[in-house]
């Protein structure tokens, strides 16, 4: 299930084109639940891409610099050691 929350978001649809209207203070949040597949791969010369998808075909891609990807790995290692999730 893909959940997208957009705040202060307004667009104008005119002649088949979408145009941003209003101030540039927009905020968006996306959440993907019930992930069926997850993978990590190279993205360009300097980044790691994490790709998550669900059974409905929804997909979220996240591009991280290597040090941020390493921080995620360290968080997962800590969870594996200390959390009941990995029991």
N, C-alpha and C. Protein backbone atom coordinates (compact mmCIF):
# COMPACT_ATOMS: atom_id res chain seq x y z
N UNK A 1 0.84 -1.17 0.00
CA UNK A 1 0.00 0.00 0.00
C UNK A 1 0.89 1.23 0.00
N UNK A 2 0.64 2.13 -0.93
CA UNK A 2 1.38 3.37 -1.05
C UNK A 2 0.54 4.49 -0.48
N UNK A 3 1.10 5.24 0.46
CA UNK A 3 0.44 6.36 1.10
C UNK A 3 1.24 7.61 0.76
N UNK A 4 0.59 8.60 0.15
CA UNK A 4 1.26 9.85 -0.18
C UNK A 4 0.50 10.98 0.48
N UNK A 5 1.22 11.79 1.25
CA UNK A 5 0.64 12.94 1.93
C UNK A 5 1.28 14.19 1.36
N UNK A 6 0.48 15.04 0.74
CA UNK A 6 0.95 16.30 0.17
C UNK A 6 0.34 17.44 0.96
N UNK A 7 1.17 18.38 1.39
CA UNK A 7 0.60 19.52 2.12
C UNK A 7 0.97 20.81 1.40
N UNK A 8 0.07 21.74 1.48
CA UNK A 8 0.23 23.03 0.81
C UNK A 8 0.55 22.83 -0.67
N UNK A 9 -0.15 21.90 -1.29
CA UNK A 9 0.13 21.51 -2.67
C UNK A 9 -1.02 21.94 -3.57
N UNK A 10 -0.70 22.72 -4.56
CA UNK A 10 -1.72 23.14 -5.51
C UNK A 10 -1.09 23.19 -6.90
N UNK A 11 -1.78 22.60 -7.85
CA UNK A 11 -1.33 22.66 -9.23
C UNK A 11 -2.49 23.13 -10.09
N UNK A 12 -2.14 23.60 -11.25
CA UNK A 12 -3.13 24.04 -12.22
C UNK A 12 -3.06 23.11 -13.43
N UNK A 13 -4.19 22.61 -13.84
CA UNK A 13 -4.25 21.76 -15.03
C UNK A 13 -4.89 22.58 -16.14
N UNK A 14 -4.11 22.83 -17.20
CA UNK A 14 -4.60 23.65 -18.30
C UNK A 14 -4.10 23.09 -19.61
N UNK A 15 -5.02 22.77 -20.48
CA UNK A 15 -4.69 22.23 -21.80
C UNK A 15 -3.79 21.00 -21.70
N UNK A 16 -4.02 20.16 -20.70
CA UNK A 16 -3.27 18.92 -20.55
C UNK A 16 -1.92 19.08 -19.88
N UNK A 17 -1.57 20.28 -19.46
CA UNK A 17 -0.29 20.52 -18.78
C UNK A 17 -0.53 20.80 -17.31
N UNK A 18 0.40 20.34 -16.49
CA UNK A 18 0.33 20.60 -15.06
C UNK A 18 1.33 21.69 -14.72
N UNK A 19 0.87 22.70 -14.01
CA UNK A 19 1.72 23.83 -13.63
C UNK A 19 1.61 24.05 -12.13
N UNK A 20 2.75 24.25 -11.49
CA UNK A 20 2.79 24.57 -10.07
C UNK A 20 2.19 25.96 -9.87
N UNK A 21 1.33 26.09 -8.87
CA UNK A 21 0.80 27.40 -8.50
C UNK A 21 0.96 27.59 -7.00
N UNK A 22 1.05 28.83 -6.58
CA UNK A 22 1.20 29.12 -5.17
C UNK A 22 2.66 29.17 -4.76
N UNK A 23 2.89 29.35 -3.46
CA UNK A 23 4.26 29.47 -2.95
C UNK A 23 5.01 28.14 -3.02
N UNK A 24 6.32 28.22 -2.84
CA UNK A 24 7.18 27.04 -2.93
C UNK A 24 7.38 26.38 -1.56
N UNK A 25 6.38 26.40 -0.71
CA UNK A 25 6.50 25.82 0.64
C UNK A 25 5.84 24.45 0.72
N UNK A 26 5.80 23.73 -0.38
CA UNK A 26 5.13 22.43 -0.42
C UNK A 26 5.93 21.38 0.34
N UNK A 27 5.23 20.37 0.81
CA UNK A 27 5.84 19.28 1.57
C UNK A 27 5.17 17.98 1.14
N UNK A 28 5.97 16.95 0.96
CA UNK A 28 5.41 15.65 0.59
C UNK A 28 6.04 14.55 1.42
N UNK A 29 5.26 13.53 1.70
CA UNK A 29 5.72 12.36 2.44
C UNK A 29 5.14 11.13 1.77
N UNK A 30 5.99 10.15 1.49
CA UNK A 30 5.52 8.91 0.88
C UNK A 30 5.88 7.74 1.78
N UNK A 31 4.95 6.81 1.93
CA UNK A 31 5.18 5.62 2.73
C UNK A 31 4.72 4.41 1.92
N UNK A 32 5.50 3.37 1.95
CA UNK A 32 5.14 2.13 1.27
C UNK A 32 5.09 1.01 2.31
N UNK A 33 3.92 0.42 2.45
CA UNK A 33 3.71 -0.65 3.42
C UNK A 33 3.61 -1.99 2.69
N UNK A 34 3.78 -3.06 3.41
CA UNK A 34 3.67 -4.41 2.86
C UNK A 34 4.61 -4.61 1.66
N UNK A 35 5.86 -4.24 1.86
CA UNK A 35 6.88 -4.37 0.81
C UNK A 35 7.09 -5.84 0.49
N UNK A 36 7.04 -6.18 -0.78
CA UNK A 36 7.24 -7.55 -1.25
C UNK A 36 8.68 -7.77 -1.75
N UNK A 37 9.34 -6.71 -2.22
CA UNK A 37 10.70 -6.83 -2.76
C UNK A 37 11.50 -5.59 -2.39
N UNK A 38 12.77 -5.83 -2.07
CA UNK A 38 13.68 -4.73 -1.75
C UNK A 38 15.04 -5.08 -2.33
N UNK A 39 15.70 -4.08 -2.90
CA UNK A 39 17.03 -4.32 -3.43
C UNK A 39 17.88 -3.06 -3.32
N UNK A 40 19.18 -3.25 -3.33
CA UNK A 40 20.14 -2.15 -3.34
C UNK A 40 21.02 -2.33 -4.57
N UNK A 41 21.33 -1.21 -5.24
CA UNK A 41 22.19 -1.27 -6.43
C UNK A 41 22.90 0.06 -6.60
N UNK A 42 23.92 0.05 -7.45
CA UNK A 42 24.65 1.27 -7.75
C UNK A 42 23.74 2.24 -8.50
N UNK A 43 23.96 3.53 -8.25
CA UNK A 43 23.21 4.56 -8.95
C UNK A 43 24.19 5.66 -9.32
N UNK A 44 24.52 5.71 -10.59
CA UNK A 44 25.53 6.67 -11.02
C UNK A 44 26.89 6.28 -10.48
N UNK A 45 27.76 7.27 -10.37
CA UNK A 45 29.13 7.01 -9.92
C UNK A 45 29.29 7.12 -8.41
N UNK A 46 28.32 7.75 -7.72
CA UNK A 46 28.57 8.09 -6.32
C UNK A 46 27.44 7.73 -5.37
N UNK A 47 26.45 7.01 -5.82
CA UNK A 47 25.31 6.77 -4.94
C UNK A 47 24.88 5.31 -4.94
N UNK A 48 24.08 4.99 -3.96
CA UNK A 48 23.45 3.68 -3.83
C UNK A 48 21.95 3.92 -3.93
N UNK A 49 21.27 3.10 -4.71
CA UNK A 49 19.83 3.23 -4.83
C UNK A 49 19.17 2.05 -4.12
N UNK A 50 18.23 2.36 -3.24
CA UNK A 50 17.40 1.35 -2.60
C UNK A 50 16.05 1.39 -3.29
N UNK A 51 15.54 0.23 -3.69
CA UNK A 51 14.27 0.14 -4.41
C UNK A 51 13.36 -0.81 -3.64
N UNK A 52 12.16 -0.33 -3.33
CA UNK A 52 11.17 -1.11 -2.60
C UNK A 52 9.89 -1.15 -3.41
N UNK A 53 9.25 -2.32 -3.51
CA UNK A 53 8.00 -2.43 -4.25
C UNK A 53 7.04 -3.36 -3.52
N UNK A 54 5.75 -3.14 -3.78
CA UNK A 54 4.73 -3.99 -3.17
C UNK A 54 4.04 -4.83 -4.24
N UNK A 55 3.10 -5.66 -3.82
CA UNK A 55 2.45 -6.59 -4.75
C UNK A 55 1.54 -5.88 -5.75
N UNK A 56 1.18 -4.62 -5.47
CA UNK A 56 0.33 -3.87 -6.39
C UNK A 56 1.12 -3.14 -7.47
N UNK A 57 2.45 -3.26 -7.42
CA UNK A 57 3.28 -2.58 -8.40
C UNK A 57 3.72 -1.19 -7.99
N UNK A 58 3.35 -0.75 -6.79
CA UNK A 58 3.84 0.53 -6.30
C UNK A 58 5.32 0.40 -5.99
N UNK A 59 6.06 1.47 -6.21
CA UNK A 59 7.51 1.42 -6.00
C UNK A 59 8.00 2.73 -5.41
N UNK A 60 8.96 2.62 -4.50
CA UNK A 60 9.63 3.78 -3.94
C UNK A 60 11.13 3.56 -4.14
N UNK A 61 11.80 4.58 -4.67
CA UNK A 61 13.24 4.52 -4.87
C UNK A 61 13.89 5.60 -4.03
N UNK A 62 15.00 5.25 -3.38
CA UNK A 62 15.73 6.18 -2.53
C UNK A 62 17.20 6.15 -2.95
N UNK A 63 17.75 7.31 -3.23
CA UNK A 63 19.15 7.42 -3.62
C UNK A 63 19.94 7.96 -2.43
N UNK A 64 20.99 7.24 -2.04
CA UNK A 64 21.79 7.62 -0.88
C UNK A 64 23.26 7.72 -1.26
N UNK A 65 23.98 8.64 -0.59
CA UNK A 65 25.42 8.64 -0.70
C UNK A 65 25.93 7.44 0.10
N UNK A 66 27.11 6.90 -0.23
CA UNK A 66 27.60 5.70 0.45
C UNK A 66 27.62 5.80 1.97
N UNK A 67 27.98 6.96 2.51
CA UNK A 67 28.03 7.08 3.97
C UNK A 67 26.63 6.99 4.59
N UNK A 68 25.62 7.45 3.87
CA UNK A 68 24.24 7.31 4.37
C UNK A 68 23.76 5.87 4.27
N UNK A 69 24.13 5.18 3.19
CA UNK A 69 23.80 3.77 3.05
C UNK A 69 24.48 2.95 4.15
N UNK A 70 25.72 3.29 4.46
CA UNK A 70 26.44 2.61 5.53
C UNK A 70 25.75 2.84 6.87
N UNK A 71 25.24 4.04 7.10
CA UNK A 71 24.53 4.33 8.35
C UNK A 71 23.26 3.47 8.46
N UNK A 72 22.56 3.27 7.34
CA UNK A 72 21.39 2.40 7.34
C UNK A 72 21.80 0.97 7.68
N UNK A 73 22.91 0.51 7.08
CA UNK A 73 23.42 -0.84 7.38
C UNK A 73 23.73 -0.98 8.86
N UNK A 74 24.37 0.03 9.44
CA UNK A 74 24.70 -0.02 10.87
C UNK A 74 23.42 -0.05 11.73
N UNK A 75 22.41 0.71 11.33
CA UNK A 75 21.14 0.67 12.05
C UNK A 75 20.51 -0.72 11.99
N UNK A 76 20.57 -1.35 10.81
CA UNK A 76 20.01 -2.70 10.66
C UNK A 76 20.80 -3.71 11.50
N UNK A 77 22.12 -3.59 11.51
CA UNK A 77 22.93 -4.48 12.33
C UNK A 77 22.58 -4.33 13.81
N UNK A 78 22.39 -3.10 14.26
CA UNK A 78 22.03 -2.86 15.66
C UNK A 78 20.65 -3.45 15.96
N UNK A 79 19.71 -3.29 15.05
CA UNK A 79 18.40 -3.89 15.24
C UNK A 79 18.48 -5.40 15.31
N UNK A 80 19.29 -5.98 14.45
CA UNK A 80 19.43 -7.44 14.44
C UNK A 80 19.98 -7.94 15.77
N UNK A 81 20.87 -7.17 16.36
CA UNK A 81 21.47 -7.58 17.64
C UNK A 81 20.54 -7.35 18.83
N UNK A 82 19.74 -6.27 18.76
CA UNK A 82 19.03 -5.84 19.96
C UNK A 82 17.50 -5.86 19.89
N UNK A 83 16.94 -6.13 18.72
CA UNK A 83 15.49 -5.99 18.58
C UNK A 83 14.79 -7.35 18.52
N UNK A 84 13.59 -7.39 19.03
CA UNK A 84 12.78 -8.62 18.93
C UNK A 84 12.28 -8.85 17.53
N UNK A 85 12.38 -7.85 16.66
CA UNK A 85 11.94 -7.99 15.26
C UNK A 85 12.69 -9.13 14.57
N UNK A 86 13.96 -9.31 14.91
CA UNK A 86 14.81 -10.30 14.26
C UNK A 86 14.87 -11.62 15.02
N UNK A 87 13.99 -11.84 15.96
CA UNK A 87 14.02 -13.10 16.73
C UNK A 87 13.52 -14.25 15.91
